[in-house]
Amino acid sequence: MSKKLSLKIAQKLTANADPKRELLKIKKLITANNADSFVLAVELVRTLELDNETTWLALLAKSRVVQLGKLGDDRVINLLLEIAGQVKDSKWREVVFDKISFYGLTSLSDAAAQALAQHQGDLYLDGLTSLSDAAAQALAQHKGDLWLNGLTSLSEAAAQALAQHKGGWLGLPGLTSLSDAAAQALAQHKGDLYLRGLTSLSDAAAQALAQLKGNLDLDGLTSLSDSPGYVALARKLAQLKGNLDLNGLTSLSEAAAQALAQHEGDLRLEGLTSLSDAAAQALAQHKGVLDLNGLTSLSDSPGHVALARKLARRKRNLVLNGLTSLSDAAAQALGKHKGDLCLNGLTNLSEAAAQALAKHGGYLGLSGLTSLSDAAAQALAQHEGFLGLPGLTSLSEAAAQALGKHKGVLDLNGLTSLSDAAAQALGQHEGDLHLDGLTSLSDAAAQALAQHEGFLGLPGLTSLSEAAAQALTQHKGDLWLNGKAEEAVEASKTGSVAKTERYFEFKDNQSAKFWGIRVQVCKVTVHFGKIGGSGQTRSKSFKDEITAQAHAERLVKEKTRKGYNETPGA
């Protein structure tokens, strides 16, 4: 309904001596499903002093409320909430609170806030960027979790009001700063407080929040200094039950580390890139799981070595991919870890560190290494388990000879070339061997690798000579090849490149399609699509040639029944 027509109806209403008889005309404004019309309708009802439960139940069917809510207009939603504050009918109120989304609400009247406070479930008002003190006071009466994620600032009065919130979590993750007065007020909150957006606090604010009785989330905080307020806050955080996430920390004082070490659950500090020796020594006393994936260095200082020993005692996988520097002493400690160990940030490794890590049992990930000395290779060869070295792009003959003695899975997927001598050495490897990066292979190298008895991965090969293909047919384990390389090996197994190819077309008034099939040994490949296009290809392998041929004949019969005709092909 247009605004002009809405005004025309309004003029007729105000001139009418008996407004109750004109409710049907007001209803026309509402059923127009237009924000301006609805706002005008509410104004008229209030002007005519008909603003009561009976009127609204008559004018607003539940389905109409849903439709109005979908308009997403702040004025409409605020008015619906205000009306909900007057209506006692529980089923009607449920429609307002459960069927209307408040996520996008960017403004909130005081009356609407009062209505929302009566909602029985959790309340998410993430779109609000500002909140009046009166609205804050009203929302504080809400008894469920209250999330105000869009607020970036908070007045002292609003903080004092929200501190009286009777529910569980009070979520204010959008706050990027907090005054001392606001912090003191929020510290009086009886429930849990979510302030993940704060990156810094004054010492006084930190001291105030340390007095909070409930849970406190400050995952965005970047520093815990040795000032009294911060140390008190660290002690408060350490007392929280369950996991403690402080992944925003980039700086941690010794005193704060000592406090956090008393935490009894998992402690995640993945934002820390460095630690003083004293802070490391303190964290080494922590009794739960400690995550320090961002740490870039573990030196040979007593504190760092103690921390390495603590990390090595972890019973689950240990990820330290941030490390770019690892001392021999720290490596010796980590070598005693019994789960998967990921050190993918290391770009170099000393012989002593390699010897220490070789004692590790389980997956050892060193994908950051782009080069490896012969001595380090010889040391790592003693490792028993999965050894991941996919960052190496080349390998000396001596290093290859050393790694050929490794027992377990060996990942060398980064190698782009392989000398005949290196291939000869790796052919003696006992365990799965991954060489996914190789695109070509000499005949001699193929003959050498064919002696390998475990899984051999060469999916990157784009072609193979007849001699190389013949050599690889002698491989006794699983062999992973793709494309032409796979076809060449399969053909060599049968002593020929025998294959059967047939081509079919289907044409009518609506379409023109092709379908082709090729049988090569135990593999059936179909190629299909629109005539003139590139089409799609699907392949399937079978246990023997007879089964493959039978499958192909069945597919051909299906296509001919559908009207496909065989042609010379394309």
Protein backbone atom coordinates (compact mmCIF):
# COMPACT_ATOMS: atom_id res chain seq x y z
CA MET A 1 0.00 0.00 0.00
CA SER A 2 1.37 3.42 -0.91
CA LYS A 3 2.07 6.11 1.68
CA LYS A 4 -0.46 8.39 -0.06
CA LEU A 5 -3.22 5.81 0.35
CA SER A 6 -2.20 5.19 3.97
CA LEU A 7 -2.60 8.90 4.73
CA LYS A 8 -6.01 8.95 3.02
CA ILE A 9 -7.24 6.14 5.27
CA ALA A 10 -5.80 7.91 8.29
CA GLN A 11 -7.68 11.12 7.46
CA LYS A 12 -10.97 9.23 7.23
CA LEU A 13 -10.32 7.60 10.59
CA THR A 14 -9.54 10.79 12.47
CA ALA A 15 -12.73 12.37 11.12
CA ASN A 16 -14.88 9.45 12.25
CA ALA A 17 -16.89 9.87 15.42
CA ASP A 18 -16.79 6.15 16.27
CA PRO A 19 -13.19 4.94 15.77
CA LYS A 20 -13.95 1.37 16.94
CA ARG A 21 -15.95 0.83 13.79
CA GLU A 22 -12.91 1.78 11.73
CA LEU A 23 -10.60 -0.97 13.00
CA LEU A 24 -11.06 -2.84 9.72
CA LYS A 25 -9.58 0.15 7.90
CA ILE A 26 -6.63 0.15 10.29
CA LYS A 27 -6.24 -3.54 9.55
CA LYS A 28 -5.83 -2.64 5.86
CA LEU A 29 -2.79 -0.60 6.80
CA ILE A 30 -1.34 -3.58 8.68
CA THR A 31 -2.07 -6.16 5.98
CA ALA A 32 -0.28 -3.97 3.44
CA ASN A 33 2.88 -5.58 4.89
CA ASN A 34 4.70 -2.27 4.61
CA ALA A 35 6.83 -0.78 7.40
CA ASP A 36 5.54 2.79 7.01
CA SER A 37 1.93 1.59 6.93
CA PHE A 38 2.38 -0.48 10.07
CA VAL A 39 4.01 2.40 11.94
CA LEU A 40 1.11 4.64 10.95
CA ALA A 41 -1.41 1.99 12.01
CA VAL A 42 0.13 1.76 15.49
CA GLU A 43 0.13 5.57 15.83
CA LEU A 44 -3.58 5.65 14.92
CA VAL A 45 -4.47 2.93 17.39
CA ARG A 46 -2.69 4.83 20.13
CA THR A 47 -4.23 8.16 19.07
CA LEU A 48 -7.69 6.59 19.24
CA GLU A 49 -6.81 5.19 22.70
CA LEU A 50 -7.36 1.59 21.58
CA ASP A 51 -3.86 0.45 22.53
CA ASN A 52 -4.75 -2.69 24.51
CA GLU A 53 -4.50 -6.47 24.33
CA THR A 54 -7.98 -6.95 22.85
CA THR A 55 -7.23 -4.62 19.95
CA TRP A 56 -3.90 -6.16 19.10
CA LEU A 57 -5.15 -9.74 19.26
CA ALA A 58 -7.89 -8.72 16.82
CA LEU A 59 -5.58 -6.85 14.46
CA LEU A 60 -2.46 -9.01 14.55
CA ALA A 61 -2.87 -12.67 13.71
CA LYS A 62 0.20 -14.82 14.45
CA SER A 63 0.98 -15.25 10.77
CA ARG A 64 0.82 -11.47 10.29
CA VAL A 65 3.35 -10.97 13.10
CA VAL A 66 5.76 -13.34 11.32
CA GLN A 67 5.35 -11.46 8.03
CA LEU A 68 5.96 -8.11 9.69
CA GLY A 69 9.03 -9.46 11.45
CA LYS A 70 10.50 -10.53 8.11
CA LEU A 71 10.51 -6.91 6.98
CA GLY A 72 13.59 -6.49 9.17
CA ASP A 73 12.69 -2.89 9.97
CA ASP A 74 13.87 -1.66 13.37
CA ARG A 75 10.72 0.47 13.85
CA VAL A 76 8.43 -2.47 13.18
CA ILE A 77 10.30 -4.86 15.46
CA ASN A 78 10.47 -2.31 18.26
CA LEU A 79 6.71 -1.70 18.00
CA LEU A 80 5.97 -5.45 17.96
CA LEU A 81 8.08 -5.85 21.07
CA GLU A 82 6.28 -2.98 22.78
CA ILE A 83 2.95 -4.56 21.89
CA ALA A 84 4.22 -7.92 23.22
CA GLY A 85 4.85 -6.18 26.52
CA GLN A 86 1.11 -5.46 26.74
CA VAL A 87 -0.26 -8.79 25.52
CA LYS A 88 -0.55 -11.51 28.13
CA ASP A 89 -1.52 -14.30 25.72
CA SER A 90 1.53 -16.62 26.01
CA LYS A 91 1.13 -18.28 22.59
CA TRP A 92 0.91 -14.92 20.83
CA ARG A 93 3.98 -13.65 22.70
CA GLU A 94 5.90 -16.79 21.74
CA VAL A 95 5.41 -15.90 18.08
CA VAL A 96 7.05 -12.50 18.63
CA PHE A 97 9.99 -13.87 20.61
CA ASP A 98 10.57 -17.15 18.77
CA LYS A 99 9.67 -16.34 15.16
CA ILE A 100 11.26 -12.92 14.82
CA SER A 101 15.02 -12.59 14.43
CA PHE A 102 16.63 -9.94 16.61
CA TYR A 103 20.17 -10.46 15.25
CA GLY A 104 19.91 -7.58 12.81
CA LEU A 105 18.19 -5.16 15.16
CA THR A 106 20.31 -1.99 15.17
CA SER A 107 18.25 0.14 17.56
CA LEU A 108 16.12 -0.60 20.59
CA SER A 109 13.53 1.55 22.30
CA ASP A 110 13.31 1.51 26.08
CA ALA A 111 9.82 -0.02 25.89
CA ALA A 112 11.01 -2.74 23.53
CA ALA A 113 13.90 -3.49 25.87
CA GLN A 114 11.42 -3.95 28.72
CA ALA A 115 9.46 -6.43 26.60
CA LEU A 116 12.59 -8.35 25.62
CA ALA A 117 13.59 -8.66 29.25
CA GLN A 118 10.52 -10.85 29.76
CA HIS A 119 11.76 -13.38 27.18
CA GLN A 120 12.43 -16.75 28.83
CA GLY A 121 15.26 -18.00 26.55
CA ASP A 122 18.70 -16.77 25.59
CA LEU A 123 18.74 -13.36 23.94
CA TYR A 124 21.00 -12.37 21.04
CA LEU A 125 21.06 -8.69 20.10
CA ASP A 126 24.22 -8.71 18.03
CA GLY A 127 23.19 -5.85 15.73
CA LEU A 128 22.93 -3.21 18.46
CA THR A 129 25.83 -0.76 18.34
CA SER A 130 24.51 1.52 21.07
CA LEU A 131 22.37 1.07 24.15
CA SER A 132 20.65 3.68 26.28
CA ASP A 133 21.09 3.48 30.04
CA ALA A 134 17.34 2.86 30.42
CA ALA A 135 17.39 0.03 27.88
CA ALA A 136 20.39 -1.49 29.66
CA GLN A 137 18.51 -1.31 32.95
CA ALA A 138 15.54 -3.08 31.38
CA LEU A 139 17.60 -5.83 29.74
CA ALA A 140 19.34 -6.53 33.03
CA GLN A 141 16.09 -8.11 34.22
CA HIS A 142 16.43 -10.82 31.56
CA LYS A 143 17.02 -14.27 33.10
CA GLY A 144 18.83 -16.09 30.28
CA ASP A 145 22.16 -15.57 28.53
CA LEU A 146 22.36 -12.04 27.12
CA TRP A 147 24.57 -11.35 24.10
CA LEU A 148 25.29 -7.81 22.99
CA ASN A 149 28.09 -8.57 20.56
CA GLY A 150 27.77 -5.36 18.53
CA LEU A 151 28.40 -2.91 21.37
CA THR A 152 31.83 -1.31 21.05
CA SER A 153 31.54 1.00 24.05
CA LEU A 154 29.67 1.06 27.33
CA SER A 155 28.85 3.93 29.67
CA GLU A 156 29.40 3.57 33.37
CA ALA A 157 25.64 3.75 33.98
CA ALA A 158 24.94 1.05 31.37
CA ALA A 159 27.67 -1.12 32.88
CA GLN A 160 26.17 -0.68 36.34
CA ALA A 161 22.77 -1.65 34.98
CA LEU A 162 23.99 -4.71 33.05
CA ALA A 163 25.94 -5.86 36.08
CA GLN A 164 22.55 -6.58 37.67
CA HIS A 165 21.79 -9.09 34.89
CA LYS A 166 20.19 -12.12 36.48
CA GLY A 167 21.01 -14.71 33.79
CA GLY A 168 24.13 -16.72 32.98
CA TRP A 169 26.50 -15.31 30.37
CA LEU A 170 26.69 -11.61 29.67
CA GLY A 171 28.35 -11.37 26.28
CA LEU A 172 30.12 -8.13 25.35
CA PRO A 173 32.81 -9.35 22.93
CA GLY A 174 32.54 -6.23 20.76
CA LEU A 175 34.00 -3.99 23.49
CA THR A 176 37.51 -2.95 22.52
CA SER A 177 38.06 -0.72 25.55
CA LEU A 178 36.70 -0.57 29.06
CA SER A 179 36.95 2.30 31.54
CA ASP A 180 37.98 1.63 35.10
CA ALA A 181 34.52 2.62 36.33
CA ALA A 182 32.78 0.30 33.83
CA ALA A 183 35.13 -2.54 34.80
CA GLN A 184 34.36 -2.01 38.49
CA ALA A 185 30.66 -2.07 37.71
CA LEU A 186 30.78 -5.22 35.56
CA ALA A 187 32.84 -6.98 38.21
CA GLN A 188 29.66 -7.06 40.32
CA HIS A 189 27.94 -9.30 37.76
CA LYS A 190 26.83 -12.55 39.40
CA GLY A 191 27.13 -14.68 36.27
CA ASP A 192 29.73 -15.22 33.57
CA LEU A 193 31.30 -12.39 31.59
CA TYR A 194 32.47 -12.61 27.98
CA LEU A 195 34.91 -9.83 27.03
CA ARG A 196 36.91 -11.48 24.27
CA GLY A 197 37.25 -8.24 22.25
CA LEU A 198 39.38 -6.46 24.84
CA THR A 199 43.05 -6.39 23.90
CA SER A 200 44.26 -4.32 26.83
CA LEU A 201 43.16 -3.13 30.26
CA SER A 202 44.41 -0.58 32.72
CA ASP A 203 45.88 -2.03 35.89
CA ALA A 204 42.86 -0.74 37.83
CA ALA A 205 40.41 -2.36 35.39
CA ALA A 206 42.33 -5.64 35.58
CA GLN A 207 42.27 -5.45 39.39
CA ALA A 208 38.52 -4.86 39.30
CA LEU A 209 37.73 -7.75 36.95
CA ALA A 210 39.81 -10.04 39.13
CA GLN A 211 37.00 -9.74 41.70
CA LEU A 212 34.38 -11.26 39.37
CA LYS A 213 32.71 -14.33 40.90
CA GLY A 214 31.76 -16.09 37.66
CA ASN A 215 33.66 -17.22 34.57
CA LEU A 216 35.61 -14.61 32.64
CA ASP A 217 36.60 -14.86 28.96
CA LEU A 218 39.45 -12.54 27.94
CA ASP A 219 40.84 -14.52 25.03
CA GLY A 220 41.66 -11.32 23.11
CA LEU A 221 43.96 -9.87 25.79
CA THR A 222 47.44 -9.38 24.32
CA SER A 223 49.46 -8.89 27.50
CA LEU A 224 49.59 -9.99 31.12
CA SER A 225 52.25 -7.85 32.75
CA ASP A 226 53.74 -8.05 36.25
CA SER A 227 51.67 -5.11 37.57
CA PRO A 228 49.55 -5.93 40.66
CA GLY A 229 46.24 -5.70 38.81
CA TYR A 230 47.35 -7.99 35.99
CA VAL A 231 48.84 -10.54 38.37
CA ALA A 232 45.59 -10.56 40.34
CA LEU A 233 43.69 -11.02 37.08
CA ALA A 234 45.98 -13.91 36.10
CA ARG A 235 45.25 -15.57 39.44
CA LYS A 236 41.52 -15.12 38.84
CA LEU A 237 41.79 -16.69 35.39
CA ALA A 238 43.81 -19.59 36.78
CA GLN A 239 40.96 -20.42 39.16
CA LEU A 240 38.47 -20.96 36.33
CA LYS A 241 37.30 -24.52 35.79
CA GLY A 242 37.79 -26.29 32.46
CA ASN A 243 39.90 -25.10 29.53
CA LEU A 244 41.44 -21.64 29.61
CA ASP A 245 41.94 -19.90 26.27
CA LEU A 246 44.26 -16.89 26.16
CA ASN A 247 45.31 -17.19 22.55
CA GLY A 248 45.53 -13.42 22.08
CA LEU A 249 48.48 -13.11 24.48
CA THR A 250 51.71 -12.07 22.80
CA SER A 251 53.45 -11.05 26.02
CA LEU A 252 53.50 -12.86 29.39
CA SER A 253 55.38 -11.77 32.49
CA GLU A 254 57.05 -14.20 34.89
CA ALA A 255 54.59 -13.34 37.69
CA ALA A 256 51.56 -13.83 35.43
CA ALA A 257 53.02 -17.12 34.13
CA GLN A 258 53.45 -18.35 37.70
CA ALA A 259 49.80 -17.55 38.37
CA LEU A 260 48.52 -19.23 35.18
CA ALA A 261 50.58 -22.33 35.89
CA GLN A 262 48.22 -23.06 38.79
CA HIS A 263 45.32 -23.58 36.36
CA GLU A 264 44.13 -27.20 36.54
CA GLY A 265 42.64 -27.60 33.06
CA ASP A 266 43.99 -27.23 29.54
CA LEU A 267 45.83 -23.95 28.98
CA ARG A 268 45.96 -22.57 25.43
CA LEU A 269 48.49 -19.80 24.75
CA GLU A 270 48.88 -20.14 20.98
CA GLY A 271 49.54 -16.43 20.39
CA LEU A 272 52.79 -16.37 22.36
CA THR A 273 55.80 -16.33 20.07
CA SER A 274 58.44 -15.97 22.76
CA LEU A 275 58.88 -16.57 26.48
CA SER A 276 61.48 -15.42 28.95
CA ASP A 277 63.41 -18.19 30.67
CA ALA A 278 61.63 -17.43 33.93
CA ALA A 279 58.15 -17.48 32.32
CA ALA A 280 58.99 -20.76 30.58
CA GLN A 281 60.20 -22.22 33.88
CA ALA A 282 56.92 -21.19 35.50
CA LEU A 283 54.72 -22.68 32.78
CA ALA A 284 56.69 -25.92 32.98
CA GLN A 285 54.99 -26.45 36.36
CA HIS A 286 51.52 -26.49 34.79
CA LYS A 287 49.86 -29.89 35.32
CA GLY A 288 47.36 -29.89 32.46
CA VAL A 289 47.67 -29.82 28.68
CA LEU A 290 49.60 -26.78 27.46
CA ASP A 291 49.25 -25.45 23.89
CA LEU A 292 52.07 -23.20 22.65
CA ASN A 293 51.79 -23.70 18.91
CA GLY A 294 52.90 -20.10 18.21
CA LEU A 295 56.21 -20.35 20.08
CA THR A 296 59.09 -19.70 17.66
CA SER A 297 62.04 -20.78 19.78
CA LEU A 298 63.03 -23.32 22.42
CA SER A 299 66.57 -22.48 23.50
CA ASP A 300 68.98 -24.39 25.71
CA SER A 301 68.24 -22.17 28.75
CA PRO A 302 67.10 -24.09 31.86
CA GLY A 303 63.56 -22.70 31.68
CA HIS A 304 63.12 -23.54 28.00
CA VAL A 305 64.50 -27.06 28.46
CA ALA A 306 62.19 -27.59 31.44
CA LEU A 307 59.27 -26.39 29.29
CA ALA A 308 60.28 -28.78 26.50
CA ARG A 309 60.27 -31.65 29.00
CA LYS A 310 56.82 -30.61 30.19
CA LEU A 311 55.50 -30.50 26.61
CA ALA A 312 57.03 -33.91 25.87
CA ARG A 313 54.99 -35.47 28.66
CA ARG A 314 51.81 -34.65 26.77
CA LYS A 315 49.90 -37.86 26.04
CA ARG A 316 48.25 -36.63 22.88
CA ASN A 317 49.63 -35.16 19.66
CA LEU A 318 52.10 -32.31 20.14
CA VAL A 319 51.96 -29.47 17.61
CA LEU A 320 54.75 -26.89 17.69
CA ASN A 321 54.62 -25.69 14.11
CA GLY A 322 55.61 -22.16 15.12
CA LEU A 323 59.12 -23.25 16.11
CA THR A 324 61.78 -21.96 13.74
CA SER A 325 64.62 -22.56 16.18
CA LEU A 326 65.22 -25.65 18.31
CA SER A 327 68.22 -26.17 20.54
CA ASP A 328 69.84 -29.58 20.84
CA ALA A 329 68.88 -29.79 24.52
CA ALA A 330 65.22 -28.97 23.78
CA ALA A 331 65.21 -31.47 20.91
CA GLN A 332 66.51 -34.12 23.28
CA ALA A 333 63.56 -33.46 25.57
CA LEU A 334 60.99 -33.48 22.76
CA GLY A 335 62.44 -36.72 21.42
CA LYS A 336 60.92 -38.51 24.41
CA HIS A 337 57.37 -37.55 23.40
CA LYS A 338 55.26 -40.62 22.61
CA GLY A 339 52.58 -39.24 20.29
CA ASP A 340 52.63 -37.48 16.92
CA LEU A 341 55.12 -34.61 16.89
CA CYS A 342 54.70 -31.75 14.40
CA LEU A 343 57.65 -29.40 13.99
CA ASN A 344 56.78 -28.15 10.54
CA GLY A 345 58.14 -24.63 11.07
CA LEU A 346 61.77 -25.74 11.41
CA THR A 347 63.81 -24.87 8.32
CA ASN A 348 67.09 -26.37 9.50
CA LEU A 349 68.16 -29.09 11.89
CA SER A 350 71.51 -29.78 13.51
CA GLU A 351 72.95 -33.28 13.56
CA ALA A 352 72.54 -33.44 17.36
CA ALA A 353 68.91 -32.30 17.18
CA ALA A 354 68.26 -34.87 14.44
CA GLN A 355 69.77 -37.61 16.61
CA ALA A 356 67.57 -36.58 19.51
CA LEU A 357 64.37 -36.42 17.46
CA ALA A 358 65.12 -39.79 15.86
CA LYS A 359 64.38 -41.37 19.22
CA HIS A 360 60.80 -40.10 19.00
CA GLY A 361 58.28 -42.89 18.44
CA GLY A 362 55.40 -42.00 16.13
CA TYR A 363 54.73 -39.47 13.41
CA LEU A 364 57.51 -36.89 13.09
CA GLY A 365 56.56 -33.95 10.88
CA LEU A 366 59.42 -31.83 9.54
CA SER A 367 57.81 -30.43 6.40
CA GLY A 368 59.55 -27.06 6.78
CA LEU A 369 62.99 -28.54 6.10
CA THR A 370 64.04 -27.62 2.57
CA SER A 371 67.52 -29.07 2.89
CA LEU A 372 69.08 -31.82 4.96
CA SER A 373 72.74 -32.45 5.67
CA ASP A 374 74.05 -35.94 5.13
CA ALA A 375 74.77 -36.25 8.86
CA ALA A 376 71.21 -35.15 9.83
CA ALA A 377 69.76 -37.59 7.27
CA GLN A 378 71.84 -40.38 8.74
CA ALA A 379 70.55 -39.50 12.21
CA LEU A 380 66.88 -39.28 11.17
CA ALA A 381 67.18 -42.66 9.44
CA GLN A 382 67.19 -44.21 12.92
CA HIS A 383 63.64 -42.96 13.46
CA GLU A 384 61.03 -45.74 13.44
CA GLY A 385 57.61 -44.53 12.33
CA PHE A 386 56.19 -41.98 9.93
CA LEU A 387 58.87 -39.51 8.88
CA GLY A 388 57.48 -36.49 7.04
CA LEU A 389 60.03 -34.61 4.93
CA PRO A 390 57.83 -33.26 2.10
CA GLY A 391 59.67 -29.92 2.03
CA LEU A 392 62.87 -31.44 0.59
CA THR A 393 63.16 -30.70 -3.14
CA SER A 394 66.47 -32.49 -3.65
CA LEU A 395 68.44 -35.22 -1.95
CA SER A 396 72.12 -36.02 -2.06
CA GLU A 397 73.23 -39.57 -2.79
CA ALA A 398 74.58 -39.93 0.75
CA ALA A 399 71.33 -38.61 2.29
CA ALA A 400 69.34 -41.00 0.10
CA GLN A 401 71.52 -43.92 1.19
CA ALA A 402 70.91 -42.98 4.80
CA LEU A 403 67.14 -42.54 4.45
CA GLY A 404 66.93 -45.80 2.53
CA LYS A 405 67.65 -47.52 5.84
CA HIS A 406 64.68 -45.83 7.55
CA LYS A 407 62.01 -48.26 8.77
CA GLY A 408 58.49 -46.88 8.45
CA VAL A 409 56.55 -44.52 6.25
CA LEU A 410 58.81 -42.04 4.44
CA ASP A 411 57.25 -38.91 2.91
CA LEU A 412 59.48 -37.28 0.29
CA ASN A 413 56.67 -35.73 -1.74
CA GLY A 414 58.61 -32.53 -2.40
CA LEU A 415 61.34 -34.18 -4.48
CA THR A 416 61.07 -33.07 -8.10
CA SER A 417 64.01 -35.10 -9.39
CA LEU A 418 65.77 -38.28 -8.35
CA SER A 419 69.19 -39.47 -9.44
CA ASP A 420 69.70 -43.12 -10.34
CA ALA A 421 71.96 -43.55 -7.32
CA ALA A 422 69.39 -42.01 -4.97
CA ALA A 423 66.68 -44.22 -6.45
CA GLN A 424 68.94 -47.26 -5.92
CA ALA A 425 69.27 -46.32 -2.24
CA LEU A 426 65.57 -45.59 -1.69
CA GLY A 427 64.65 -48.86 -3.36
CA GLN A 428 66.03 -50.59 -0.27
CA HIS A 429 63.66 -48.68 2.04
CA GLU A 430 61.44 -50.84 4.25
CA GLY A 431 58.00 -49.27 4.50
CA ASP A 432 55.70 -47.01 2.52
CA LEU A 433 57.53 -44.60 0.22
CA HIS A 434 55.82 -41.43 -1.05
CA LEU A 435 57.39 -39.65 -4.03
CA ASP A 436 54.35 -37.71 -5.26
CA GLY A 437 56.36 -34.77 -6.65
CA LEU A 438 58.31 -36.71 -9.27
CA THR A 439 57.07 -36.04 -12.80
CA SER A 440 59.62 -38.16 -14.64
CA LEU A 441 61.76 -41.21 -13.94
CA SER A 442 64.74 -42.65 -15.80
CA ASP A 443 64.76 -46.30 -16.79
CA ALA A 444 67.51 -47.02 -14.26
CA ALA A 445 65.65 -45.22 -11.47
CA ALA A 446 62.47 -47.17 -12.29
CA GLN A 447 64.40 -50.44 -12.12
CA ALA A 448 65.84 -49.44 -8.76
CA LEU A 449 62.50 -48.37 -7.24
CA ALA A 450 60.88 -51.57 -8.50
CA GLN A 451 62.93 -53.39 -5.85
CA HIS A 452 61.03 -51.52 -3.14
CA GLU A 453 58.64 -53.92 -1.39
CA GLY A 454 56.13 -51.65 0.34
CA PHE A 455 53.65 -49.07 -0.91
CA LEU A 456 55.20 -46.89 -3.60
CA GLY A 457 53.49 -43.62 -4.48
CA LEU A 458 54.37 -42.04 -7.84
CA PRO A 459 51.10 -40.28 -8.80
CA GLY A 460 52.91 -37.24 -10.26
CA LEU A 461 54.54 -39.13 -13.13
CA THR A 462 53.22 -37.77 -16.42
CA SER A 463 54.87 -40.34 -18.69
CA LEU A 464 57.02 -43.46 -18.63
CA SER A 465 59.23 -45.08 -21.22
CA GLU A 466 58.39 -48.63 -22.23
CA ALA A 467 61.46 -49.86 -20.35
CA ALA A 468 60.57 -47.92 -17.18
CA ALA A 469 56.99 -49.17 -17.32
CA GLN A 470 58.23 -52.75 -17.78
CA ALA A 471 60.53 -52.33 -14.79
CA LEU A 472 57.75 -51.08 -12.51
CA THR A 473 55.61 -54.12 -13.31
CA GLN A 474 58.07 -56.04 -11.12
CA HIS A 475 57.19 -53.98 -8.05
CA LYS A 476 55.76 -56.36 -5.41
CA GLY A 477 53.81 -53.92 -3.26
CA ASP A 478 51.00 -51.47 -3.90
CA LEU A 479 51.86 -49.02 -6.67
CA TRP A 480 50.10 -45.68 -7.05
CA LEU A 481 50.23 -44.17 -10.53
CA ASN A 482 47.97 -41.91 -12.54
CA GLY A 483 47.12 -41.19 -16.18
CA LYS A 484 49.47 -42.29 -18.94
CA ALA A 485 52.02 -43.71 -16.51
CA GLU A 486 49.39 -46.04 -15.08
CA GLU A 487 48.27 -47.06 -18.58
CA ALA A 488 51.83 -47.78 -19.62
CA VAL A 489 52.44 -50.08 -16.68
CA GLU A 490 49.10 -51.87 -17.17
CA ALA A 491 49.93 -52.37 -20.84
CA SER A 492 53.34 -53.77 -19.98
CA LYS A 493 51.75 -56.32 -17.69
CA THR A 494 49.91 -57.83 -20.66
CA GLY A 495 52.85 -57.50 -23.05
CA SER A 496 50.94 -55.16 -25.40
CA VAL A 497 48.90 -51.98 -25.50
CA ALA A 498 45.76 -53.88 -26.43
CA LYS A 499 42.63 -51.86 -25.91
CA THR A 500 39.08 -51.71 -27.20
CA GLU A 501 37.44 -48.39 -28.07
CA ARG A 502 33.88 -47.71 -29.25
CA TYR A 503 32.03 -44.43 -29.89
CA PHE A 504 28.26 -43.72 -29.89
CA GLU A 505 26.04 -40.70 -30.59
CA PHE A 506 22.48 -39.76 -29.69
CA LYS A 507 20.60 -37.04 -31.58
CA ASP A 508 17.00 -35.82 -31.41
CA ASN A 509 15.18 -32.48 -31.57
CA GLN A 510 16.30 -31.49 -28.10
CA SER A 511 19.86 -32.77 -27.73
CA ALA A 512 22.98 -34.10 -29.38
CA LYS A 513 25.18 -36.22 -27.12
CA PHE A 514 28.12 -38.57 -27.44
CA TRP A 515 29.28 -41.51 -25.35
CA GLY A 516 32.53 -43.42 -25.78
CA ILE A 517 34.01 -46.40 -23.98
CA ARG A 518 37.52 -47.80 -23.79
CA VAL A 519 38.61 -51.08 -22.25
CA GLN A 520 42.31 -51.36 -21.47
CA VAL A 521 43.25 -54.55 -19.65
CA CYS A 522 41.31 -54.36 -16.34
CA LYS A 523 40.29 -50.73 -16.64
CA VAL A 524 37.09 -49.34 -18.20
CA THR A 525 36.91 -45.66 -19.12
CA VAL A 526 33.82 -43.85 -20.39
CA HIS A 527 33.81 -40.42 -22.05
CA PHE A 528 30.52 -38.57 -22.45
CA GLY A 529 28.95 -35.16 -22.99
CA LYS A 530 27.43 -32.84 -25.59
CA ILE A 531 28.66 -33.21 -29.14
CA GLY A 532 31.17 -30.43 -29.78
CA GLY A 533 32.10 -30.15 -26.08
CA SER A 534 35.03 -31.63 -24.15
CA GLY A 535 32.77 -33.86 -22.05
CA GLN A 536 33.59 -35.76 -18.88
CA THR A 537 35.61 -38.91 -18.18
CA ARG A 538 34.97 -41.66 -15.64
CA SER A 539 37.19 -44.70 -15.02
CA LYS A 540 36.74 -47.92 -13.06
CA SER A 541 39.17 -50.80 -12.48
CA PHE A 542 38.24 -54.48 -12.13
CA LYS A 543 39.94 -57.60 -10.81
CA ASP A 544 40.56 -59.08 -14.25
CA GLU A 545 40.09 -58.47 -17.98
CA ILE A 546 37.02 -60.72 -18.26
CA THR A 547 35.13 -58.78 -15.60
CA ALA A 548 36.12 -55.46 -17.18
CA GLN A 549 34.96 -56.60 -20.63
CA ALA A 550 31.64 -57.87 -19.26
CA HIS A 551 31.02 -54.56 -17.53
CA ALA A 552 31.75 -52.67 -20.76
CA GLU A 553 29.37 -54.83 -22.79
CA ARG A 554 26.61 -54.20 -20.24
CA LEU A 555 27.11 -50.44 -20.51
CA VAL A 556 27.02 -50.61 -24.33
CA LYS A 557 23.71 -52.49 -24.25
CA GLU A 558 22.23 -49.86 -21.92
CA LYS A 559 23.22 -47.05 -24.28
CA THR A 560 21.93 -48.77 -27.43
CA ARG A 561 18.57 -49.40 -25.71
CA LYS A 562 18.38 -45.66 -25.04
CA GLY A 563 18.84 -44.87 -28.73
CA TYR A 564 22.59 -44.31 -29.01
CA ASN A 565 24.07 -45.34 -32.38
CA GLU A 566 27.63 -46.51 -32.87
CA THR A 567 29.74 -44.39 -35.26
CA PRO A 568 33.38 -44.48 -36.40
CA GLY A 569 34.20 -42.14 -33.47
CA ALA A 570 36.07 -38.91 -33.01
